[in-house]
Structures are given as C-alpha cells and as structure tokens.
Amino acid sequence: MCDDVCFTDLSRRDFGALSVAASVLAAPAVTHAGVPVTETDVEIKTADGTADAVFMAPSTGKHPGVLVWTDIMGLRPAFRDMGRRLAAEGYAVLTPNPFYRASGKVPKEGLGLSFQDPGAREKMMGLMGGLVAPGAAERDAATFVAWLDGQPQVDTAKKIGTSGYCMGGPLIMRTAASLPGRIGAAGSFHGGGLVTDKPESPHLMIPKMKAKMLIAIAVDDDAKQPEAKDVLKAAFAAANVAAEIEVYADSKHGWCVPGSPVHNPAQADRAFTRLLATFKAGLA
C-alpha cells in the first residue's frame, strides 16, 4: 500500500540499447492450481546495477511474457504467490525487486517493512529514490522486457503484458508508453498518482500507448481524487486507446494484495479475472 504517498514523480528520457544478463540462483518446481509452474530466482544486469527478481512460468511450452511491478513494500511472498497464480494461467511472469539500486538483493521473505511503521515508511520512501530518478523506470522496463524476450519460455510472437499495484500503477503506464510496440496489455490496481498536475503525469503519456488498459480503482482513492477516473476516461478516448476503468465496490487502497490489512479476496479475484481478460484480448 502507499496511502497518500504514492509514486508520482518520474520523468521520461530516451534510452539506448542495454546489455542484459541473468544468473539463475534457484529453480524449484512448484505447482499452483494443478498446473506445474517453475519458479526461478534470477539476477538481471541493468544500466544501473543488478536487479534481483523471480521468474515463474508453466513448466512446458512458450507463453506470453508479463512484467509485474510491486507496491511500495516490494518483492515478497505475497507477490511470489501472485506470480505463481498468474503463471498457472499460462504466462511467463517476471517480478523484479524495484528497489535494487538502494536495497541490494532482498531475501525471499522480503524487506520485512510495515507501512504502518513511520520509521519503515521513511525507509521505503528512501528506497524509491533511484526508481523515481529521471528515466530510471523506463530503463528498467526496457531491460526487463528484453530479458523476458530472451527466455525460452516466452513466446516472442505474442505481445508482453504488465501489471502494477500502488506505486506500480504509474509504472505500467510508463512501461506501456515507452514500449508501445511490445506492450499489448496493462493493468493498474489501486495505482497512485495516475493523474497529477505535473508535466510528467502518467495520464499525459496515454497518446503514446497502444496497449489495452485496465484501471482498477479503490473506493478510498476515488474519494480522495474523484476527478481522476474521468480525466483518464477522456484521455484514453481521445487517444483511441481501449481502456476499462472501474471503481471497485467495498475496496480500499491495497485490496488486491494478499496479506494486506485491507485485502478483499472477492474483489481481488474479480480484478484478477478482469486482468486475465485484458491479457487475453491484448497479448495476441
């Protein structure tokens, strides 16, 4: 969750070709929902260092790739569970540690931080420093997508999908805008700062997108910024970008993530179903 302090202040700049490398740390075979899924911890060389990540895919075949952007509490068991669930639906899923520049490699149990703890909250905001630097998210997106395209489990004839939670909401917008030829579908769940008064506001990047978009909004986020959904609807319509925008009933910021104090399983399942539909339509 990000409460009132959401990820809003990224800037765009051009990026060139980036070298991509990964070292496999582990490859335990797991199953989820009866579908064999392989889970591998990897390290990916970026322009700014080495990002640790988890890669999950069905144990056989080639599948559309998906890049998952976590919330402000980063890569942890909840997002590993979410990755397995998505992989079991037939996707090759990469979930990076978005804070690798400042945090270094995170343990499997995550950073162990609570957003309700003021000290931990301050630390989280510090970890975001490198990610919010001008062009950083776009460089990361290009690197992670290129890494996915280099994996034998990924069907490069299909478009790439992306999903993001809390601070990950703006990141899916920036990913779709900076890689329009590769990103075919994107979903934001209780994303913060999709519409701001800054010149780099994510909603201003919509004309550069070609992906099918899903914007799932929490009730309390909508109450704080009720005009945002209408601004998004108008911007998507003007750019002729297909978008589903909905405020989810009985939802609070963070409702999609298991383990969140406000997790709403029923509405999270419905949001996941809509994400699958968006991916099915856009990752052809």
Protein backbone atom coordinates (compact mmCIF):
# COMPACT_ATOMS: atom_id res chain seq x y z
CA MET A 1 0.00 0.00 0.00
CA CYS A 2 1.13 3.57 -0.46
CA ASP A 3 -1.62 5.51 1.33
CA ASP A 4 -1.17 9.21 0.49
CA VAL A 5 2.47 8.86 -0.55
CA CYS A 6 2.27 7.27 -3.98
CA PHE A 7 4.78 7.01 -6.78
CA THR A 8 4.19 10.12 -8.91
CA ASP A 9 7.44 11.89 -9.77
CA LEU A 10 9.15 10.01 -12.60
CA SER A 11 10.40 11.79 -15.73
CA ARG A 12 10.96 10.39 -19.20
CA ARG A 13 14.13 10.43 -21.30
CA ASP A 14 15.48 8.45 -24.19
CA PHE A 15 17.33 5.27 -23.53
CA GLY A 16 19.64 3.23 -25.74
CA ALA A 17 20.31 -0.44 -26.05
CA LEU A 18 21.07 -2.06 -22.72
CA SER A 19 23.09 -5.19 -22.05
CA VAL A 20 21.00 -7.86 -20.40
CA ALA A 21 22.31 -10.79 -18.39
CA ALA A 22 20.87 -13.08 -15.77
CA SER A 23 22.26 -15.69 -13.42
CA VAL A 24 19.98 -18.44 -12.19
CA LEU A 25 20.02 -18.76 -8.41
CA ALA A 26 17.44 -21.49 -7.91
CA ALA A 27 14.84 -23.38 -9.94
CA PRO A 28 12.46 -25.29 -7.67
CA ALA A 29 9.49 -26.86 -9.42
CA VAL A 30 6.17 -25.92 -7.83
CA THR A 31 2.54 -26.37 -8.73
CA HIS A 32 -0.33 -23.93 -8.44
CA ALA A 33 -3.96 -24.69 -9.14
CA GLY A 34 -2.89 -28.06 -10.51
CA VAL A 35 -0.65 -26.55 -13.21
CA PRO A 36 3.10 -27.26 -12.99
CA VAL A 37 4.97 -23.97 -12.62
CA THR A 38 8.71 -23.45 -12.48
CA GLU A 39 9.97 -20.71 -10.15
CA THR A 40 13.48 -19.33 -10.61
CA ASP A 41 15.31 -16.60 -8.72
CA VAL A 42 17.36 -14.56 -11.21
CA GLU A 43 19.67 -11.59 -11.36
CA ILE A 44 19.38 -9.18 -14.28
CA LYS A 45 22.11 -6.75 -15.23
CA THR A 46 20.76 -3.24 -15.82
CA ALA A 47 22.27 0.10 -16.73
CA ASP A 48 22.22 0.99 -13.02
CA GLY A 49 23.32 -2.25 -11.34
CA THR A 50 21.98 -5.75 -10.86
CA ALA A 51 18.29 -6.35 -10.19
CA ASP A 52 17.17 -9.45 -8.33
CA ALA A 53 13.86 -10.89 -9.49
CA VAL A 54 11.72 -14.00 -9.56
CA PHE A 55 10.70 -15.63 -12.85
CA MET A 56 7.78 -18.06 -12.99
CA ALA A 57 6.36 -19.91 -15.96
CA PRO A 58 4.48 -23.10 -16.80
CA SER A 59 6.95 -25.98 -16.84
CA THR A 60 6.43 -26.66 -20.53
CA GLY A 61 5.78 -24.64 -23.65
CA LYS A 62 6.12 -20.99 -24.66
CA HIS A 63 3.85 -18.31 -23.23
CA PRO A 64 3.26 -14.54 -23.36
CA GLY A 65 5.57 -12.65 -21.02
CA VAL A 66 4.33 -10.46 -18.18
CA LEU A 67 6.24 -7.85 -16.17
CA VAL A 68 4.83 -7.27 -12.67
CA TRP A 69 5.56 -4.06 -10.75
CA THR A 70 5.11 -4.45 -6.99
CA ASP A 71 3.70 -2.00 -4.49
CA ILE A 72 5.90 0.11 -2.23
CA MET A 73 6.68 -2.81 0.09
CA GLY A 74 8.49 -4.55 -2.74
CA LEU A 75 9.15 -8.14 -3.74
CA ARG A 76 7.96 -10.52 -1.00
CA PRO A 77 6.00 -13.77 -0.55
CA ALA A 78 2.65 -12.16 -1.44
CA PHE A 79 3.96 -11.18 -4.88
CA ARG A 80 5.55 -14.57 -5.35
CA ASP A 81 2.14 -16.12 -4.70
CA MET A 82 0.53 -13.71 -7.16
CA GLY A 83 3.18 -14.55 -9.75
CA ARG A 84 2.55 -18.28 -9.38
CA ARG A 85 -1.17 -17.75 -9.81
CA LEU A 86 -0.66 -15.76 -13.00
CA ALA A 87 1.92 -18.20 -14.37
CA ALA A 88 -0.52 -21.07 -13.80
CA GLU A 89 -2.89 -19.28 -16.18
CA GLY A 90 -0.34 -19.61 -18.99
CA TYR A 91 2.03 -16.66 -18.63
CA ALA A 92 5.79 -16.28 -18.17
CA VAL A 93 5.96 -13.83 -15.27
CA LEU A 94 8.89 -11.67 -14.16
CA THR A 95 8.58 -9.80 -10.84
CA PRO A 96 11.68 -7.69 -10.09
CA ASN A 97 12.80 -6.05 -6.89
CA PRO A 98 12.11 -2.45 -7.96
CA PHE A 99 14.41 -1.01 -5.31
CA TYR A 100 17.55 -2.95 -6.27
CA ARG A 101 19.60 0.25 -6.64
CA ALA A 102 19.28 1.06 -2.95
CA SER A 103 18.22 -2.17 -1.27
CA GLY A 104 20.53 -4.70 -2.82
CA LYS A 105 19.16 -8.21 -3.10
CA VAL A 106 16.11 -8.78 -0.93
CA PRO A 107 15.58 -12.07 0.94
CA LYS A 108 12.67 -14.29 -0.08
CA GLU A 109 10.69 -13.08 2.94
CA GLY A 110 11.01 -9.51 1.65
CA LEU A 111 12.27 -6.42 3.40
CA GLY A 112 10.10 -7.04 6.45
CA LEU A 113 8.78 -3.49 6.50
CA SER A 114 5.33 -2.31 7.54
CA PHE A 115 3.81 0.79 6.02
CA GLN A 116 2.08 1.45 9.34
CA ASP A 117 5.51 1.93 10.99
CA PRO A 118 6.67 5.56 10.49
CA GLY A 119 10.34 4.53 10.54
CA ALA A 120 9.79 1.81 7.97
CA ARG A 121 7.70 4.18 5.89
CA GLU A 122 10.58 6.65 5.80
CA LYS A 123 12.94 3.87 4.75
CA MET A 124 10.60 2.83 1.93
CA MET A 125 10.47 6.35 0.58
CA GLY A 126 14.27 6.42 0.63
CA LEU A 127 14.44 3.17 -1.31
CA MET A 128 12.34 4.76 -4.03
CA GLY A 129 14.95 7.42 -4.72
CA GLY A 130 16.69 5.60 -7.54
CA LEU A 131 13.46 4.42 -9.10
CA VAL A 132 11.98 7.91 -9.30
CA ALA A 133 15.10 9.39 -10.89
CA PRO A 134 14.51 10.72 -14.42
CA GLY A 135 14.27 7.87 -16.91
CA ALA A 136 15.04 5.12 -14.38
CA ALA A 137 11.70 3.32 -14.68
CA GLU A 138 11.82 3.44 -18.46
CA ARG A 139 15.35 2.00 -18.49
CA ASP A 140 14.28 -0.77 -16.14
CA ALA A 141 11.19 -1.55 -18.20
CA ALA A 142 13.24 -1.85 -21.39
CA THR A 143 15.77 -4.11 -19.67
CA PHE A 144 13.18 -6.37 -18.05
CA VAL A 145 11.16 -6.74 -21.24
CA ALA A 146 14.32 -7.52 -23.21
CA TRP A 147 15.22 -10.13 -20.58
CA LEU A 148 11.80 -11.72 -20.91
CA ASP A 149 12.18 -11.81 -24.68
CA GLY A 150 15.42 -13.72 -24.23
CA GLN A 151 13.85 -16.58 -22.25
CA PRO A 152 12.93 -19.85 -23.99
CA GLN A 153 9.64 -19.95 -22.04
CA VAL A 154 8.50 -16.67 -23.63
CA ASP A 155 6.61 -16.63 -26.91
CA THR A 156 8.08 -13.56 -28.60
CA ALA A 157 5.41 -13.73 -31.29
CA LYS A 158 2.99 -12.54 -28.61
CA LYS A 159 2.86 -9.10 -27.02
CA ILE A 160 4.09 -8.54 -23.46
CA GLY A 161 1.71 -7.71 -20.60
CA THR A 162 2.37 -5.71 -17.45
CA SER A 163 0.56 -5.24 -14.15
CA GLY A 164 1.24 -2.91 -11.24
CA TYR A 165 0.00 -2.27 -7.71
CA CYS A 166 0.03 1.01 -5.77
CA MET A 167 3.25 2.69 -6.98
CA GLY A 168 3.26 0.07 -9.74
CA GLY A 169 0.22 1.74 -11.32
CA PRO A 170 2.23 4.64 -12.77
CA LEU A 171 4.93 2.16 -13.75
CA ILE A 172 2.61 0.17 -16.02
CA MET A 173 1.65 3.46 -17.68
CA ARG A 174 5.29 4.37 -18.24
CA THR A 175 6.08 0.87 -19.46
CA ALA A 176 3.22 0.92 -21.97
CA ALA A 177 4.13 4.42 -23.18
CA SER A 178 7.85 3.80 -23.55
CA LEU A 179 7.49 0.38 -25.26
CA PRO A 180 4.31 0.74 -27.34
CA GLY A 181 5.43 -1.76 -29.94
CA ARG A 182 5.94 -4.51 -27.36
CA ILE A 183 3.38 -3.93 -24.59
CA GLY A 184 -0.04 -5.21 -25.61
CA ALA A 185 -1.97 -5.06 -22.32
CA ALA A 186 -1.54 -3.45 -18.92
CA GLY A 187 -3.39 -3.42 -15.61
CA SER A 188 -3.17 -0.93 -12.72
CA PHE A 189 -4.61 -1.93 -9.34
CA HIS A 190 -5.13 0.77 -6.70
CA GLY A 191 -2.46 2.71 -8.58
CA GLY A 192 -1.41 6.02 -7.06
CA GLY A 193 -0.66 9.21 -8.95
CA LEU A 194 -2.01 8.24 -12.36
CA VAL A 195 -3.29 11.80 -12.76
CA THR A 196 -1.26 14.70 -11.37
CA ASP A 197 -0.67 18.34 -12.20
CA LYS A 198 2.96 17.65 -13.12
CA PRO A 199 4.17 17.75 -16.73
CA GLU A 200 5.30 14.14 -16.38
CA SER A 201 1.92 12.90 -15.15
CA PRO A 202 1.28 9.34 -16.38
CA HIS A 203 -2.05 10.26 -17.93
CA LEU A 204 -0.28 12.63 -20.32
CA MET A 205 1.60 9.64 -21.77
CA ILE A 206 -1.59 7.92 -22.93
CA PRO A 207 -1.26 9.10 -26.57
CA LYS A 208 1.97 7.07 -26.80
CA MET A 209 0.29 3.81 -25.69
CA LYS A 210 -1.08 1.05 -27.89
CA ALA A 211 -1.94 -1.44 -25.15
CA LYS A 212 -5.34 -2.48 -23.89
CA MET A 213 -5.61 -0.94 -20.43
CA LEU A 214 -7.31 -1.95 -17.19
CA ILE A 215 -7.51 0.64 -14.40
CA ALA A 216 -8.96 -0.78 -11.16
CA ILE A 217 -9.52 1.94 -8.55
CA ALA A 218 -10.07 1.65 -4.80
CA VAL A 219 -13.06 3.43 -3.25
CA ASP A 220 -10.93 5.47 -0.85
CA ASP A 221 -8.53 6.51 -3.63
CA ASP A 222 -11.51 7.62 -5.71
CA ALA A 223 -12.86 9.62 -2.76
CA LYS A 224 -9.55 11.48 -2.48
CA GLN A 225 -9.36 12.23 -6.21
CA PRO A 226 -12.82 11.69 -7.74
CA GLU A 227 -11.97 13.55 -10.93
CA ALA A 228 -9.07 11.24 -11.83
CA LYS A 229 -11.21 8.49 -13.36
CA ASP A 230 -12.95 11.00 -15.64
CA VAL A 231 -9.65 12.53 -16.73
CA LEU A 232 -8.35 9.04 -17.54
CA LYS A 233 -11.51 8.09 -19.45
CA ALA A 234 -11.30 11.26 -21.54
CA ALA A 235 -7.58 10.83 -22.23
CA PHE A 236 -7.94 7.19 -23.29
CA ALA A 237 -10.92 8.03 -25.51
CA ALA A 238 -9.09 10.95 -27.16
CA ALA A 239 -6.11 8.70 -27.91
CA ASN A 240 -8.35 5.85 -29.11
CA VAL A 241 -6.77 3.52 -26.53
CA ALA A 242 -9.10 0.77 -25.30
CA ALA A 243 -9.45 1.05 -21.51
CA GLU A 244 -11.63 -0.43 -18.79
CA ILE A 245 -11.82 1.92 -15.79
CA GLU A 246 -13.77 0.98 -12.68
CA VAL A 247 -14.01 1.87 -9.01
CA TYR A 248 -14.29 -1.47 -7.18
CA ALA A 249 -17.02 -1.54 -4.55
CA ASP A 250 -16.04 -2.23 -0.93
CA SER A 251 -12.37 -1.84 -1.79
CA LYS A 252 -9.65 0.09 -0.02
CA HIS A 253 -6.18 1.00 -1.22
CA GLY A 254 -4.20 -2.24 -1.30
CA TRP A 255 -7.21 -4.57 -1.61
CA CYS A 256 -5.66 -6.81 -4.29
CA VAL A 257 -2.56 -7.92 -2.38
CA PRO A 258 -2.82 -10.99 -0.10
CA GLY A 259 -1.70 -10.18 3.42
CA SER A 260 -2.70 -6.54 3.16
CA PRO A 261 -4.81 -5.37 6.14
CA VAL A 262 -7.49 -4.37 3.63
CA HIS A 263 -7.26 -7.40 1.33
CA ASN A 264 -10.68 -8.11 -0.16
CA PRO A 265 -10.48 -11.65 -1.60
CA ALA A 266 -13.72 -11.48 -3.56
CA GLN A 267 -12.92 -8.18 -5.22
CA ALA A 268 -9.29 -9.21 -5.71
CA ASP A 269 -10.48 -12.31 -7.56
CA ARG A 270 -12.75 -10.20 -9.73
CA ALA A 271 -9.87 -7.84 -10.52
CA PHE A 272 -7.67 -10.83 -11.40
CA THR A 273 -10.38 -12.16 -13.71
CA ARG A 274 -10.53 -8.82 -15.47
CA LEU A 275 -6.72 -8.79 -15.79
CA LEU A 276 -6.83 -12.21 -17.45
CA ALA A 277 -9.49 -10.95 -19.87
CA THR A 278 -7.40 -7.89 -20.68
CA PHE A 279 -4.33 -10.03 -21.30
CA LYS A 280 -6.29 -12.45 -23.46
CA ALA A 281 -7.52 -9.58 -25.61
CA GLY A 282 -4.23 -7.71 -25.84
CA LEU A 283 -1.45 -10.28 -25.96
CA ALA A 284 -2.15 -11.68 -29.38
